[in-house]
Amino acid sequence: MKKLHKLVITSYIGPFVATFFISLFVLLMQFLWKYIDDLVGKGLEWYIIAELLFYAAATFVPLALPLAVLLSSIMTMGKMGEHYELVAFKSAGISIRRIMWPMVMISLIIVLGAFYFSNNVLPVANLKSLSLLYDVRQQRPAFNIAEGIYYRGIDNFVIRVDQKDNGGQTLRGIKIYDHSERGGNTNLTLAEWGTMAFTPDKRHLVLSLHNGTNYKEAGDGNLLQPDRPFQRTHFEKQIRKFDLSMFDLERTDEELFKGNFRMLNIKQLIYFEDSLSQELSKRKDNYISAYRRRFSHFPDTASDEFKHAADEDFRRLDIGHIRSAQINERLVINSAMDMVRTNRENTKRAHQEIRDRKRTLARYQIEFHRKFTLSFACLVLFLIGAPLGAIIRKGGFGLPLVISVLLFVVFHVISMMGEKFVREGVLEAHQGMWISSIILLPVGVLLTLKATTDSSLLDTDSYLEKLEKLFINIRKPKTETPD
């Protein structure tokens, strides 16, 4: 390997790793703030949150990787141009294409790695993160009895305390409603004070109640019964034990989530897409057959003999027959109107069902093409970033960061628009998912050509000079030609 290649590779790897993890961190913080309400106050162990963030970070790689390729390529070439290294290479007869060649090879390796990640790692990461996030969001808030508030977190019990002392371990003014018998507020325990403790495994709460009374209404549950028995029991000390297993994080079977389009590889997506396409075609054929059967008893056109016979019958009708015919006509019209309304509702339902099936199929098609667009997007953004850095000749996180963010926002907006058009049926999946790369690829090719020809694409002085010449040509008086 030549020294030039080593210099370019070492200059490119460092910014790429740094920008990748910075982008990943920013996206992960966005995820954390989005679901902060579902994570705080539930007593989750630190390793549960760490596991969720780890899998969530893996799902953000498709966004962080193209941005890192774009930003690092701009920074690398911009830094070399700012330090006049590109000028030294060109003076030695080394072209921009030869300088960019090691970066191209690294980008191709990144493209292959991105495809492998998207097809093999990303489905597993989506499965783990979404299933764990679902369980966390379904998790109850952590056990916490507040002063003066009825706490209903424990099943079949309602607890209220007036005051908490000694760091929350001593409770005063305790009131406990027992609803385990499903009979309403028929079992009440009052205590002057008590202590609260947990078992070593944290699965049970032990309340030691002192100087209290238990009130219980017995019977068959009829509150209006006049001779309903009532029981009152005084105690100096009573131990109550409450099961806290409902506060443990219960993991849902991951098999329930594996059919989701985000959790499938290419082979599985092809299988699901083929099955959904066949089911959609079958549903359309069934609807058309049923529609034809409903109208098969109506003649398309009336023959001349039928019209002539109807006219002869009408001439022979008397008033009674006419009135009878009018009544029959109303019945026929009402029957026809009912049939039209029924067919209209059936058509609406069938249209909604077919549209929902198409949207479901589109999601699988979108995910299939996303496996390839991620890799191709890295290559396109590299073709934009590397020559753009050679043109602007600025390194660091200043101007390259601003330009990278703007270009990535344009790329991301176009991608989201194309994906939405596919979901709504405006575009086919192979059109909407590739539209951003198709639009930006010519831009990358143009910038590469401009960089190899030393074009002053972003040089403001050259633009000002051209505008000045244009104004001079406009103000210059025209010489009259002789007759």
Protein backbone atom coordinates (compact mmCIF):
# COMPACT_ATOMS: atom_id res chain seq x y z
CA MET A 1 0.00 0.00 0.00
CA LYS A 2 1.35 3.40 -0.97
CA LYS A 3 1.89 6.20 1.53
CA LEU A 4 -0.78 8.24 -0.23
CA HIS A 5 -3.33 5.52 0.35
CA LYS A 6 -2.36 5.23 4.01
CA LEU A 7 -2.67 8.98 4.47
CA VAL A 8 -6.12 9.13 2.88
CA ILE A 9 -7.39 6.07 4.76
CA THR A 10 -6.21 7.30 8.17
CA SER A 11 -7.65 10.74 7.43
CA TYR A 12 -11.01 9.19 6.49
CA ILE A 13 -11.45 6.49 9.16
CA GLY A 14 -11.14 8.83 12.14
CA PRO A 15 -13.85 11.34 11.11
CA PHE A 16 -16.10 8.51 9.95
CA VAL A 17 -16.03 6.71 13.31
CA ALA A 18 -16.46 9.98 15.22
CA THR A 19 -19.36 11.28 13.11
CA PHE A 20 -21.06 7.88 13.12
CA PHE A 21 -21.17 7.61 16.90
CA ILE A 22 -22.09 11.28 17.29
CA SER A 23 -25.02 10.84 14.89
CA LEU A 24 -26.03 7.64 16.66
CA PHE A 25 -25.91 9.39 20.02
CA VAL A 26 -28.08 12.28 18.81
CA LEU A 27 -30.69 9.89 17.39
CA LEU A 28 -30.61 7.82 20.58
CA MET A 29 -31.22 10.92 22.71
CA GLN A 30 -34.19 11.74 20.51
CA PHE A 31 -35.56 8.26 21.16
CA LEU A 32 -34.93 8.62 24.88
CA TRP A 33 -36.80 11.91 25.14
CA LYS A 34 -39.67 10.51 23.09
CA TYR A 35 -40.26 7.62 25.49
CA ILE A 36 -39.01 9.24 28.71
CA ASP A 37 -42.49 9.15 30.24
CA ASP A 38 -42.70 5.39 29.67
CA LEU A 39 -39.34 4.72 31.31
CA VAL A 40 -39.30 6.98 34.37
CA GLY A 41 -41.06 5.99 37.57
CA LYS A 42 -41.45 2.27 36.85
CA GLY A 43 -38.58 0.93 38.91
CA LEU A 44 -36.81 -0.62 35.92
CA GLU A 45 -33.40 -2.14 36.49
CA TRP A 46 -30.48 -0.41 34.87
CA TYR A 47 -29.68 -3.38 32.64
CA ILE A 48 -33.25 -3.33 31.23
CA ILE A 49 -32.85 0.30 30.16
CA ALA A 50 -29.33 -0.40 28.85
CA GLU A 51 -30.63 -3.33 26.81
CA LEU A 52 -33.42 -1.21 25.36
CA LEU A 53 -31.04 1.61 24.42
CA PHE A 54 -28.58 -0.85 22.87
CA TYR A 55 -31.18 -2.40 20.58
CA ALA A 56 -32.69 1.02 19.83
CA ALA A 57 -29.24 2.30 18.82
CA ALA A 58 -28.90 -0.61 16.40
CA THR A 59 -32.18 0.36 14.73
CA PHE A 60 -30.86 3.89 14.11
CA VAL A 61 -27.85 2.72 12.09
CA PRO A 62 -29.74 3.14 8.75
CA LEU A 63 -30.01 6.86 9.54
CA ALA A 64 -26.62 7.41 11.16
CA LEU A 65 -24.55 5.55 8.58
CA PRO A 66 -25.36 7.65 5.47
CA LEU A 67 -24.97 10.85 7.48
CA ALA A 68 -21.59 9.69 8.77
CA VAL A 69 -20.40 8.81 5.25
CA LEU A 70 -21.47 12.22 3.94
CA LEU A 71 -20.00 14.25 6.79
CA SER A 72 -16.71 12.33 7.06
CA SER A 73 -16.06 12.48 3.31
CA ILE A 74 -16.63 16.25 3.27
CA MET A 75 -14.41 16.72 6.33
CA THR A 76 -11.60 14.54 4.95
CA MET A 77 -11.36 16.15 1.53
CA GLY A 78 -12.08 19.61 2.94
CA LYS A 79 -9.27 19.29 5.48
CA MET A 80 -6.82 18.15 2.80
CA GLY A 81 -7.83 21.09 0.64
CA GLU A 82 -7.61 23.55 3.54
CA HIS A 83 -4.07 22.42 4.37
CA TYR A 84 -3.05 22.58 0.69
CA GLU A 85 -2.43 18.86 0.57
CA LEU A 86 -4.60 18.54 -2.53
CA VAL A 87 -2.54 21.25 -4.22
CA ALA A 88 0.66 19.34 -3.39
CA PHE A 89 -0.80 16.11 -4.76
CA LYS A 90 -1.92 17.80 -7.96
CA SER A 91 1.48 19.43 -8.43
CA ALA A 92 3.01 15.95 -8.17
CA GLY A 93 0.72 14.77 -10.96
CA ILE A 94 -1.81 12.92 -8.77
CA SER A 95 -5.40 13.50 -9.81
CA ILE A 96 -8.43 13.88 -7.57
CA ARG A 97 -9.76 10.53 -8.74
CA ARG A 98 -6.59 8.77 -7.62
CA ILE A 99 -6.73 10.57 -4.26
CA MET A 100 -10.33 9.51 -3.76
CA TRP A 101 -9.72 5.90 -4.78
CA PRO A 102 -8.88 4.60 -1.23
CA MET A 103 -12.01 6.33 0.08
CA VAL A 104 -14.02 4.69 -2.68
CA MET A 105 -12.78 1.25 -1.65
CA ILE A 106 -13.64 1.93 2.01
CA SER A 107 -17.07 3.18 0.96
CA LEU A 108 -17.67 -0.01 -1.02
CA ILE A 109 -16.79 -2.04 2.08
CA ILE A 110 -19.24 0.12 4.06
CA VAL A 111 -21.89 -0.51 1.39
CA LEU A 112 -21.47 -4.28 1.66
CA GLY A 113 -21.47 -4.08 5.45
CA ALA A 114 -24.60 -1.92 5.39
CA PHE A 115 -26.40 -4.48 3.23
CA TYR A 116 -25.42 -7.33 5.54
CA PHE A 117 -26.49 -5.32 8.56
CA SER A 118 -29.80 -4.35 7.01
CA ASN A 119 -30.64 -7.91 6.00
CA ASN A 120 -29.38 -9.89 9.00
CA VAL A 121 -28.84 -7.66 12.04
CA LEU A 122 -31.52 -4.98 11.68
CA PRO A 123 -34.53 -7.39 11.75
CA VAL A 124 -33.26 -8.93 14.99
CA ALA A 125 -32.60 -5.50 16.49
CA ASN A 126 -36.11 -4.35 15.55
CA LEU A 127 -37.61 -7.48 17.10
CA LYS A 128 -35.69 -7.08 20.35
CA SER A 129 -36.19 -3.33 20.71
CA LEU A 130 -39.88 -3.18 19.80
CA SER A 131 -40.86 -6.19 21.91
CA LEU A 132 -38.93 -4.85 24.91
CA LEU A 133 -40.35 -1.36 24.40
CA TYR A 134 -43.85 -2.83 24.31
CA ASP A 135 -43.27 -4.65 27.60
CA VAL A 136 -41.79 -1.52 29.21
CA ARG A 137 -44.73 0.61 28.15
CA GLN A 138 -47.13 -1.97 29.56
CA GLN A 139 -45.21 -2.08 32.84
CA ARG A 140 -46.93 -0.59 35.87
CA PRO A 141 -45.42 2.38 37.71
CA ALA A 142 -43.18 1.48 40.61
CA PHE A 143 -44.67 0.96 44.05
CA ASN A 144 -45.00 4.37 45.69
CA ILE A 145 -47.55 5.31 48.36
CA ALA A 146 -47.91 9.09 48.63
CA GLU A 147 -49.35 11.01 51.57
CA GLY A 148 -53.07 11.77 51.46
CA ILE A 149 -53.65 9.93 48.14
CA TYR A 150 -55.51 6.68 47.58
CA TYR A 151 -53.02 4.25 46.07
CA ARG A 152 -54.52 1.62 43.73
CA GLY A 153 -51.36 0.06 42.35
CA ILE A 154 -51.78 -3.27 44.17
CA ASP A 155 -54.49 -5.52 42.78
CA ASN A 156 -57.66 -5.78 44.92
CA PHE A 157 -56.40 -3.24 47.48
CA VAL A 158 -56.67 0.51 47.99
CA ILE A 159 -54.27 2.05 50.54
CA ARG A 160 -54.20 5.54 51.98
CA VAL A 161 -51.82 7.04 54.57
CA ASP A 162 -51.98 10.46 56.19
CA GLN A 163 -48.29 10.86 56.94
CA LYS A 164 -44.95 9.17 56.25
CA ASP A 165 -41.98 9.42 58.62
CA ASN A 166 -38.51 7.95 59.01
CA GLY A 167 -37.73 8.08 55.29
CA GLY A 168 -41.08 6.61 54.32
CA GLN A 169 -40.73 3.50 56.50
CA THR A 170 -43.18 4.62 59.21
CA LEU A 171 -46.78 5.31 58.20
CA ARG A 172 -49.49 7.09 60.20
CA GLY A 173 -53.22 7.20 59.66
CA ILE A 174 -53.39 4.01 57.63
CA LYS A 175 -56.53 3.00 55.76
CA ILE A 176 -56.73 -0.23 53.72
CA TYR A 177 -59.70 -1.30 51.58
CA ASP A 178 -59.78 -4.99 50.69
CA HIS A 179 -61.64 -5.68 47.41
CA SER A 180 -60.52 -9.27 47.01
CA GLU A 181 -64.09 -10.57 47.50
CA ARG A 182 -65.49 -8.24 44.81
CA GLY A 183 -68.19 -6.95 47.16
CA GLY A 184 -67.35 -3.26 47.25
CA ASN A 185 -66.04 -1.42 50.30
CA THR A 186 -67.11 -4.14 52.72
CA ASN A 187 -63.70 -4.86 54.26
CA LEU A 188 -61.86 -1.90 55.78
CA THR A 189 -58.82 -1.81 58.05
CA LEU A 190 -57.82 1.28 60.02
CA ALA A 191 -54.58 1.65 62.00
CA GLU A 192 -53.01 4.51 63.91
CA TRP A 193 -49.53 3.76 62.68
CA GLY A 194 -47.41 1.05 61.08
CA THR A 195 -44.12 0.17 59.49
CA MET A 196 -43.43 -0.82 55.91
CA ALA A 197 -40.75 -3.26 54.74
CA PHE A 198 -39.96 -5.44 51.75
CA THR A 199 -38.89 -9.05 51.66
CA PRO A 200 -35.28 -9.70 50.53
CA ASP A 201 -36.44 -10.72 47.04
CA LYS A 202 -38.53 -7.50 46.72
CA ARG A 203 -41.58 -9.53 45.71
CA HIS A 204 -43.71 -8.90 48.81
CA LEU A 205 -44.61 -5.87 50.90
CA VAL A 206 -44.98 -6.41 54.65
CA LEU A 207 -47.05 -3.90 56.65
CA SER A 208 -46.93 -4.08 60.44
CA LEU A 209 -50.09 -2.32 61.65
CA HIS A 210 -50.51 -1.12 65.25
CA ASN A 211 -53.56 -0.01 67.27
CA GLY A 212 -56.17 -0.57 64.62
CA THR A 213 -59.59 -1.93 63.83
CA ASN A 214 -60.92 -4.10 61.05
CA TYR A 215 -64.50 -3.54 59.83
CA LYS A 216 -66.11 -6.24 57.71
CA GLU A 217 -69.63 -6.72 56.38
CA ALA A 218 -70.51 -10.38 55.82
CA GLY A 219 -73.42 -11.92 53.93
CA ASP A 220 -74.29 -12.84 50.36
CA GLY A 221 -73.36 -9.45 48.91
CA ASN A 222 -76.81 -7.85 49.08
CA LEU A 223 -76.16 -4.37 50.52
CA LEU A 224 -79.90 -3.77 51.11
CA GLN A 225 -80.27 -6.79 53.37
CA PRO A 226 -81.58 -5.41 56.75
CA ASP A 227 -80.07 -8.15 58.91
CA ARG A 228 -76.72 -8.09 57.17
CA PRO A 229 -74.04 -9.26 59.68
CA PHE A 230 -71.29 -6.81 60.60
CA GLN A 231 -67.96 -7.71 62.15
CA ARG A 232 -65.58 -5.38 64.01
CA THR A 233 -62.21 -6.56 65.26
CA HIS A 234 -59.71 -4.56 67.34
CA PHE A 235 -56.01 -5.39 67.32
CA GLU A 236 -52.81 -4.07 68.81
CA LYS A 237 -50.63 -5.46 66.04
CA GLN A 238 -51.43 -7.04 62.69
CA ILE A 239 -49.15 -8.19 59.90
CA ARG A 240 -50.42 -7.73 56.32
CA LYS A 241 -48.49 -9.14 53.40
CA PHE A 242 -49.05 -7.93 49.81
CA ASP A 243 -47.87 -9.62 46.64
CA LEU A 244 -45.78 -7.28 44.43
CA SER A 245 -45.15 -9.72 41.58
CA MET A 246 -47.33 -7.59 39.30
CA PHE A 247 -44.59 -4.95 39.34
CA ASP A 248 -42.08 -7.31 37.73
CA LEU A 249 -41.38 -6.78 34.04
CA GLU A 250 -43.23 -9.50 32.15
CA ARG A 251 -41.67 -10.32 28.81
CA THR A 252 -44.00 -11.04 25.92
CA ASP A 253 -43.28 -13.96 23.63
CA GLU A 254 -41.25 -12.61 20.72
CA GLU A 255 -42.97 -15.04 18.35
CA LEU A 256 -45.98 -12.70 18.42
CA PHE A 257 -43.92 -9.93 16.77
CA LYS A 258 -41.98 -11.94 14.17
CA GLY A 259 -44.58 -11.45 11.43
CA ASN A 260 -44.05 -7.69 11.39
CA PHE A 261 -42.45 -6.34 8.20
CA ARG A 262 -39.61 -4.64 10.11
CA MET A 263 -38.46 -7.95 11.56
CA LEU A 264 -37.97 -9.93 8.35
CA ASN A 265 -35.00 -10.47 6.05
CA ILE A 266 -35.14 -10.45 2.26
CA LYS A 267 -36.09 -14.09 1.90
CA GLN A 268 -38.92 -13.77 4.41
CA LEU A 269 -40.12 -10.51 2.86
CA ILE A 270 -40.36 -12.16 -0.56
CA TYR A 271 -42.42 -14.99 0.94
CA PHE A 272 -44.81 -12.63 2.75
CA GLU A 273 -45.09 -10.33 -0.26
CA ASP A 274 -45.99 -13.25 -2.53
CA SER A 275 -48.59 -14.52 -0.06
CA LEU A 276 -50.16 -11.09 0.37
CA SER A 277 -50.23 -10.50 -3.40
CA GLN A 278 -52.00 -13.81 -3.99
CA GLU A 279 -54.50 -13.07 -1.23
CA LEU A 280 -55.18 -9.62 -2.68
CA SER A 281 -55.73 -11.01 -6.19
CA LYS A 282 -58.01 -13.71 -4.80
CA ARG A 283 -60.05 -11.15 -2.90
CA LYS A 284 -60.46 -9.00 -6.03
CA ASP A 285 -61.59 -11.99 -8.10
CA ASN A 286 -64.10 -13.01 -5.42
CA TYR A 287 -65.55 -9.54 -5.29
CA ILE A 288 -65.90 -9.32 -9.10
CA SER A 289 -67.55 -12.76 -9.24
CA ALA A 290 -70.00 -11.86 -6.48
CA TYR A 291 -70.81 -8.55 -8.17
CA ARG A 292 -71.54 -10.27 -11.46
CA ARG A 293 -73.74 -12.87 -9.79
CA ARG A 294 -75.87 -10.16 -8.19
CA PHE A 295 -76.66 -8.61 -11.58
CA SER A 296 -76.68 -11.68 -13.80
CA HIS A 297 -80.52 -11.89 -13.82
CA PHE A 298 -80.87 -8.47 -15.46
CA PRO A 299 -80.97 -8.48 -19.33
CA ASP A 300 -78.43 -6.22 -20.91
CA THR A 301 -80.72 -5.03 -23.71
CA ALA A 302 -84.38 -5.49 -24.48
CA SER A 303 -85.21 -7.11 -27.81
CA ASP A 304 -87.59 -5.51 -30.31
CA GLU A 305 -90.06 -8.38 -29.92
CA PHE A 306 -90.15 -7.81 -26.16
CA LYS A 307 -90.80 -4.09 -26.59
CA HIS A 308 -93.53 -4.71 -29.18
CA ALA A 309 -95.27 -7.26 -26.94
CA ALA A 310 -95.11 -4.85 -24.03
CA ASP A 311 -96.74 -2.11 -26.13
CA GLU A 312 -99.59 -4.46 -27.21
CA ASP A 313 -100.20 -5.49 -23.61
CA PHE A 314 -100.28 -1.85 -22.53
CA ARG A 315 -102.98 -1.01 -25.14
CA ARG A 316 -105.23 -3.78 -23.85
CA LEU A 317 -104.94 -2.67 -20.21
CA ASP A 318 -107.92 -1.07 -18.52
CA ILE A 319 -107.85 1.35 -15.57
CA GLY A 320 -107.67 -1.44 -12.98
CA HIS A 321 -104.75 -3.02 -14.68
CA ILE A 322 -103.01 0.36 -14.91
CA ARG A 323 -103.43 0.97 -11.18
CA SER A 324 -102.15 -2.51 -10.43
CA ALA A 325 -99.22 -1.90 -12.73
CA GLN A 326 -98.47 1.38 -10.93
CA ILE A 327 -98.42 -0.40 -7.57
CA ASN A 328 -96.11 -3.06 -8.98
CA GLU A 329 -93.95 -0.34 -10.45
CA ARG A 330 -93.50 1.25 -7.02
CA LEU A 331 -92.57 -2.09 -5.54
CA VAL A 332 -90.05 -2.68 -8.29
CA ILE A 333 -88.57 0.80 -7.85
CA ASN A 334 -88.27 0.41 -4.07
CA SER A 335 -86.72 -3.01 -4.49
CA ALA A 336 -84.26 -1.61 -7.02
CA MET A 337 -83.35 1.27 -4.69
CA ASP A 338 -82.73 -1.14 -1.82
CA MET A 339 -80.54 -3.24 -4.07
CA VAL A 340 -78.58 -0.17 -5.16
CA ARG A 341 -78.01 0.89 -1.54
CA THR A 342 -76.90 -2.61 -0.58
CA ASN A 343 -74.51 -2.83 -3.53
CA ARG A 344 -73.13 0.61 -2.74
CA GLU A 345 -72.35 -0.37 0.87
CA ASN A 346 -70.85 -3.67 -0.25
CA THR A 347 -68.70 -1.82 -2.77
CA LYS A 348 -67.51 0.64 -0.13
CA ARG A 349 -66.56 -2.15 2.24
CA ALA A 350 -64.79 -4.08 -0.50
CA HIS A 351 -62.93 -0.95 -1.60
CA GLN A 352 -61.79 -0.23 1.97
CA GLU A 353 -60.68 -3.82 2.46
CA ILE A 354 -58.73 -3.87 -0.80
CA ARG A 355 -57.12 -0.52 0.02
CA ASP A 356 -56.06 -1.76 3.48
CA ARG A 357 -54.61 -4.92 1.93
CA LYS A 358 -52.69 -2.83 -0.59
CA ARG A 359 -51.28 -0.66 2.19
CA THR A 360 -50.18 -3.74 4.12
CA LEU A 361 -48.54 -5.16 0.99
CA ALA A 362 -46.85 -1.81 0.35
CA ARG A 363 -45.21 -1.89 3.80
CA TYR A 364 -43.56 -5.22 3.01
CA GLN A 365 -42.46 -3.95 -0.39
CA ILE A 366 -41.04 -0.80 1.20
CA GLU A 367 -39.03 -2.82 3.68
CA PHE A 368 -37.75 -5.06 0.89
CA HIS A 369 -36.39 -2.14 -1.12
CA ARG A 370 -35.06 -0.46 2.03
CA LYS A 371 -32.54 -3.30 2.36
CA PHE A 372 -30.91 -2.06 -0.85
CA THR A 373 -31.53 1.69 -0.65
CA LEU A 374 -29.52 1.94 2.59
CA SER A 375 -26.41 0.61 0.90
CA PHE A 376 -26.88 2.61 -2.27
CA ALA A 377 -27.54 5.79 -0.28
CA CYS A 378 -24.11 5.47 1.37
CA LEU A 379 -22.48 5.33 -2.07
CA VAL A 380 -24.51 8.28 -3.43
CA LEU A 381 -23.78 10.48 -0.42
CA PHE A 382 -20.10 9.64 -0.68
CA LEU A 383 -20.09 10.74 -4.32
CA ILE A 384 -21.61 14.02 -3.14
CA GLY A 385 -19.49 14.53 -0.03
CA ALA A 386 -15.98 13.77 -1.27
CA PRO A 387 -15.93 16.09 -4.30
CA LEU A 388 -17.86 18.74 -2.36
CA GLY A 389 -15.15 18.73 0.30
CA ALA A 390 -12.49 19.14 -2.38
CA ILE A 391 -14.40 22.10 -3.77
CA ILE A 392 -15.15 24.02 -0.55
CA ARG A 393 -11.68 23.27 0.95
CA LYS A 394 -12.88 23.53 4.54
CA GLY A 395 -12.36 20.89 7.24
CA GLY A 396 -13.53 20.46 10.82
CA PHE A 397 -17.08 20.64 12.11
CA GLY A 398 -17.90 24.12 10.84
CA LEU A 399 -19.03 24.61 7.26
CA PRO A 400 -18.85 20.85 6.41
CA LEU A 401 -21.30 20.08 9.22
CA VAL A 402 -23.77 22.71 8.01
CA ILE A 403 -23.60 21.53 4.41
CA SER A 404 -23.85 17.87 5.43
CA VAL A 405 -26.91 18.45 7.56
CA LEU A 406 -28.63 20.41 4.80
CA LEU A 407 -27.89 17.75 2.19
CA PHE A 408 -28.96 14.95 4.50
CA VAL A 409 -32.20 16.74 5.35
CA VAL A 410 -32.94 17.06 1.62
CA PHE A 411 -32.15 13.37 1.13
CA HIS A 412 -34.26 12.32 4.12
CA VAL A 413 -37.24 14.49 3.15
CA ILE A 414 -37.26 13.11 -0.39
CA SER A 415 -37.00 9.57 0.99
CA MET A 416 -39.92 10.12 3.38
CA MET A 417 -42.04 11.62 0.61
CA GLY A 418 -41.32 8.68 -1.68
CA GLU A 419 -42.13 6.20 1.09
CA LYS A 420 -45.41 7.97 1.84
CA PHE A 421 -46.37 7.95 -1.84
CA VAL A 422 -45.78 4.20 -1.90
CA ARG A 423 -47.95 3.64 1.19
CA GLU A 424 -50.77 5.69 -0.33
CA GLY A 425 -50.54 3.89 -3.67
CA VAL A 426 -49.39 6.94 -5.66
CA LEU A 427 -46.10 5.32 -6.69
CA GLU A 428 -44.86 1.78 -6.99
CA ALA A 429 -42.38 0.58 -4.39
CA HIS A 430 -39.45 0.46 -6.81
CA GLN A 431 -40.16 4.09 -7.74
CA GLY A 432 -40.82 5.71 -4.38
CA MET A 433 -38.03 4.01 -2.47
CA TRP A 434 -35.37 4.84 -5.06
CA ILE A 435 -36.48 8.36 -5.93
CA SER A 436 -34.09 10.07 -3.49
CA SER A 437 -31.08 8.17 -4.81
CA ILE A 438 -32.15 8.77 -8.41
CA ILE A 439 -32.41 12.52 -7.78
CA LEU A 440 -29.13 12.88 -5.87
CA LEU A 441 -27.01 10.53 -8.00
CA PRO A 442 -26.68 13.03 -10.90
CA VAL A 443 -25.71 15.68 -8.32
CA GLY A 444 -22.90 13.44 -7.09
CA VAL A 445 -21.71 12.75 -10.62
CA LEU A 446 -21.79 16.47 -11.44
CA LEU A 447 -19.82 17.39 -8.31
CA THR A 448 -17.25 14.69 -9.10
CA LEU A 449 -16.75 16.13 -12.58
CA LYS A 450 -16.48 19.65 -11.17
CA ALA A 451 -13.92 18.54 -8.57
CA THR A 452 -11.74 16.73 -11.11
CA THR A 453 -11.72 19.80 -13.37
CA ASP A 454 -10.89 22.25 -10.51
CA SER A 455 -14.20 24.04 -10.89
CA SER A 456 -14.90 27.06 -8.66
CA LEU A 457 -18.37 25.87 -7.84
CA LEU A 458 -18.64 27.52 -4.43
CA ASP A 459 -16.15 30.35 -5.00
CA THR A 460 -18.08 33.58 -4.39
CA ASP A 461 -15.37 35.70 -6.03
CA SER A 462 -15.85 33.92 -9.35
CA TYR A 463 -19.61 34.46 -9.22
CA LEU A 464 -19.13 38.14 -8.36
CA GLU A 465 -16.69 38.50 -11.23
CA LYS A 466 -19.19 36.98 -13.66
CA LEU A 467 -21.97 39.25 -12.41
CA GLU A 468 -19.71 42.29 -12.78
CA LYS A 469 -18.94 41.33 -16.38
CA LEU A 470 -22.64 40.83 -17.04
CA PHE A 471 -23.49 44.33 -15.74
CA ILE A 472 -20.67 45.85 -17.81
CA ASN A 473 -22.00 44.19 -20.95
CA ILE A 474 -25.52 45.44 -20.20
CA ARG A 475 -24.43 49.06 -19.60
CA LYS A 476 -22.10 49.11 -22.61
CA PRO A 477 -23.74 51.24 -25.35
CA LYS A 478 -24.47 49.58 -28.62
CA THR A 479 -22.65 50.94 -31.69
CA GLU A 480 -24.90 51.85 -34.56
CA THR A 481 -24.18 50.07 -37.81
CA PRO A 482 -23.98 52.29 -40.95
CA ASP A 483 -26.70 51.97 -43.57
